[in-house]
C-alpha cells in the first residue's frame, strides 16, 4: 500500500512540475514547500530528484502535501480528458483510379 501511495505521489509531483512550467497552478508546490525543505534540504531540484526524495520519505510527507498533489492529479486527468485529441486519426489512404 505504501508503495502505491509513494508511486502515486511521485507521478503526481512529476506532472505538477510540467503543469507549473506551462502556467498551471502551483498549489502542490506551495503545499509541499515545507516538506521539501524539511525532508529534502540538500536535494538539487531537477530531473525528478525532489520527487524521488519525497517518494523515499512518503511516511513523513504531510497530509496537506498529499492532498494538494492528489487534487492536482485529478485536475490534470480531467483537463486531458476534456482536451481535443492532439493527433486525430488520419483518413485511410485511397488508391487512385486506374
C-alpha atoms as a PDB file:
ATOM      1  CA  UNK A   1       0.000   0.000   0.000  1.00  0.00           C
ATOM      2  CA  UNK A   2       2.833   2.406   0.848  1.00  0.00           C
ATOM      3  CA  UNK A   3       4.500   1.627  -2.488  1.00  0.00           C
ATOM      4  CA  UNK A   4       1.322   2.519  -4.374  1.00  0.00           C
ATOM      5  CA  UNK A   5       0.930   5.765  -2.441  1.00  0.00           C
ATOM      6  CA  UNK A   6       4.581   6.639  -2.991  1.00  0.00           C
ATOM      7  CA  UNK A   7       4.349   5.950  -6.708  1.00  0.00           C
ATOM      8  CA  UNK A   8       1.164   7.984  -6.958  1.00  0.00           C
ATOM      9  CA  UNK A   9       2.790  10.923  -5.182  1.00  0.00           C
ATOM     10  CA  UNK A  10       5.889  10.755  -7.354  1.00  0.00           C
ATOM     11  CA  UNK A  11       3.884  10.632 -10.573  1.00  0.00           C
ATOM     12  CA  UNK A  12       1.623  13.425  -9.441  1.00  0.00           C
ATOM     13  CA  UNK A  13       4.549  15.620  -8.442  1.00  0.00           C
ATOM     14  CA  UNK A  14       6.190  14.981 -11.785  1.00  0.00           C
ATOM     15  CA  UNK A  15       3.000  16.001 -13.553  1.00  0.00           C
ATOM     16  CA  UNK A  16       2.735  19.014 -11.291  1.00  0.00           C
ATOM     17  CA  UNK A  17       6.160  20.213 -12.378  1.00  0.00           C
ATOM     18  CA  UNK A  18       5.057  20.112 -16.004  1.00  0.00           C
ATOM     19  CA  UNK A  19       1.823  21.933 -15.185  1.00  0.00           C
ATOM     20  CA  UNK A  20       3.631  24.620 -13.226  1.00  0.00           C
ATOM     21  CA  UNK A  21       6.057  25.176 -16.094  1.00  0.00           C
ATOM     22  CA  UNK A  22       3.172  25.511 -18.555  1.00  0.00           C
ATOM     23  CA  UNK A  23       1.401  28.145 -16.468  1.00  0.00           C
ATOM     24  CA  UNK A  24      -0.788  25.808 -14.409  1.00  0.00           C
ATOM     25  CA  UNK A  25      -1.443  26.001 -10.705  1.00  0.00           C
ATOM     26  CA  UNK A  26       1.434  25.818  -8.252  1.00  0.00           C
ATOM     27  CA  UNK A  27      -0.704  24.689  -5.305  1.00  0.00           C
ATOM     28  CA  UNK A  28       1.104  21.363  -4.778  1.00  0.00           C
ATOM     29  CA  UNK A  29       4.449  23.138  -4.857  1.00  0.00           C
ATOM     30  CA  UNK A  30       3.233  25.585  -2.237  1.00  0.00           C
ATOM     31  CA  UNK A  31       1.659  22.854  -0.122  1.00  0.00           C
ATOM     32  CA  UNK A  32       4.792  20.705  -0.298  1.00  0.00           C
ATOM     33  CA  UNK A  33       7.329  23.504   0.162  1.00  0.00           C
ATOM     34  CA  UNK A  34       7.776  22.877   3.900  1.00  0.00           C
ATOM     35  CA  UNK A  35       8.039  19.111   3.332  1.00  0.00           C
ATOM     36  CA  UNK A  36      10.684  19.634   0.670  1.00  0.00           C
ATOM     37  CA  UNK A  37      12.650  21.989   2.928  1.00  0.00           C
ATOM     38  CA  UNK A  38      12.350  19.638   5.911  1.00  0.00           C
ATOM     39  CA  UNK A  39      12.803  16.261   4.218  1.00  0.00           C
ATOM     40  CA  UNK A  40      14.994  17.079   1.225  1.00  0.00           C
ATOM     41  CA  UNK A  41      17.091  20.135   2.140  1.00  0.00           C
ATOM     42  CA  UNK A  42      20.206  19.016   0.254  1.00  0.00           C
ATOM     43  CA  UNK A  43      18.410  17.736  -2.853  1.00  0.00           C
ATOM     44  CA  UNK A  44      19.138  19.714  -6.007  1.00  0.00           C
ATOM     45  CA  UNK A  45      15.912  20.346  -7.975  1.00  0.00           C
ATOM     46  CA  UNK A  46      15.580  18.940 -11.465  1.00  0.00           C
ATOM     47  CA  UNK A  47      15.355  15.608 -13.242  1.00  0.00           C
ATOM     48  CA  UNK A  48      12.850  14.279 -10.691  1.00  0.00           C
ATOM     49  CA  UNK A  49      15.228  14.423  -7.707  1.00  0.00           C
ATOM     50  CA  UNK A  50      12.729  16.203  -5.410  1.00  0.00           C
ATOM     51  CA  UNK A  51      10.010  13.698  -6.316  1.00  0.00           C
ATOM     52  CA  UNK A  52      12.360  10.808  -5.638  1.00  0.00           C
ATOM     53  CA  UNK A  53      13.358  12.287  -2.299  1.00  0.00           C
ATOM     54  CA  UNK A  54       9.733  12.718  -1.212  1.00  0.00           C
ATOM     55  CA  UNK A  55       8.825   9.281  -2.534  1.00  0.00           C
ATOM     56  CA  UNK A  56      11.535   7.765  -0.372  1.00  0.00           C
ATOM     57  CA  UNK A  57      10.149   9.501   2.728  1.00  0.00           C
ATOM     58  CA  UNK A  58       6.444   9.046   1.983  1.00  0.00           C
ATOM     59  CA  UNK A  59       5.544   8.225   5.583  1.00  0.00           C
ATOM     60  CA  UNK A  60       6.825  11.650   6.642  1.00  0.00           C
ATOM     61  CA  UNK A  61       5.121  13.739   3.905  1.00  0.00           C
ATOM     62  CA  UNK A  62       2.380  15.964   5.323  1.00  0.00           C
ATOM     63  CA  UNK A  63      -1.285  15.291   4.672  1.00  0.00           C
ATOM     64  CA  UNK A  64      -1.605  18.772   3.155  1.00  0.00           C
ATOM     65  CA  UNK A  65       1.043  17.984   0.563  1.00  0.00           C
ATOM     66  CA  UNK A  66      -0.511  14.623  -0.275  1.00  0.00           C
ATOM     67  CA  UNK A  67      -3.968  16.198  -0.590  1.00  0.00           C
ATOM     68  CA  UNK A  68      -2.743  19.011  -2.862  1.00  0.00           C
ATOM     69  CA  UNK A  69      -0.860  16.586  -5.100  1.00  0.00           C
ATOM     70  CA  UNK A  70      -3.866  14.286  -5.447  1.00  0.00           C
ATOM     71  CA  UNK A  71      -6.174  17.242  -6.224  1.00  0.00           C
ATOM     72  CA  UNK A  72      -3.774  18.409  -8.933  1.00  0.00           C
ATOM     73  CA  UNK A  73      -3.556  14.911 -10.345  1.00  0.00           C
ATOM     74  CA  UNK A  74      -7.354  14.725 -10.576  1.00  0.00           C
ATOM     75  CA  UNK A  75      -7.477  18.140 -12.262  1.00  0.00           C
ATOM     76  CA  UNK A  76      -4.791  17.104 -14.763  1.00  0.00           C
ATOM     77  CA  UNK A  77      -6.727  13.968 -15.677  1.00  0.00           C
ATOM     78  CA  UNK A  78      -9.947  15.934 -16.144  1.00  0.00           C
ATOM     79  CA  UNK A  79      -8.166  18.508 -18.312  1.00  0.00           C
ATOM     80  CA  UNK A  80      -6.641  15.797 -20.507  1.00  0.00           C
ATOM     81  CA  UNK A  81      -9.974  14.019 -20.856  1.00  0.00           C
ATOM     82  CA  UNK A  82     -11.687  17.262 -21.936  1.00  0.00           C
ATOM     83  CA  UNK A  83      -8.956  18.339 -24.372  1.00  0.00           C
ATOM     84  CA  UNK A  84      -9.380  17.613 -28.076  1.00  0.00           C
ATOM     85  CA  UNK A  85      -7.226  14.868 -29.499  1.00  0.00           C
ATOM     86  CA  UNK A  86      -3.706  16.066 -30.290  1.00  0.00           C
ATOM     87  CA  UNK A  87      -3.327  13.751 -33.254  1.00  0.00           C
ATOM     88  CA  UNK A  88      -6.687  12.972 -34.855  1.00  0.00           C
ATOM     89  CA  UNK A  89      -6.812   9.746 -36.859  1.00  0.00           C
ATOM     90  CA  UNK A  90      -5.668  10.050 -40.444  1.00  0.00           C
ATOM     91  CA  UNK A  91      -8.186   9.071 -43.102  1.00  0.00           C
ATOM     92  CA  UNK A  92      -7.457   5.771 -44.761  1.00  0.00           C
ATOM     93  CA  UNK A  93      -5.439   6.103 -47.925  1.00  0.00           C
ATOM     94  CA  UNK A  94      -7.488   5.627 -51.077  1.00  0.00           C
ATOM     95  CA  UNK A  95      -5.925   4.154 -54.171  1.00  0.00           C
ATOM     96  CA  UNK A  96      -6.047   6.497 -57.156  1.00  0.00           C
ATOM     97  CA  UNK A  97      -8.339   5.412 -60.008  1.00  0.00           C
ATOM     98  CA  UNK A  98      -6.659   3.356 -62.719  1.00  0.00           C
END
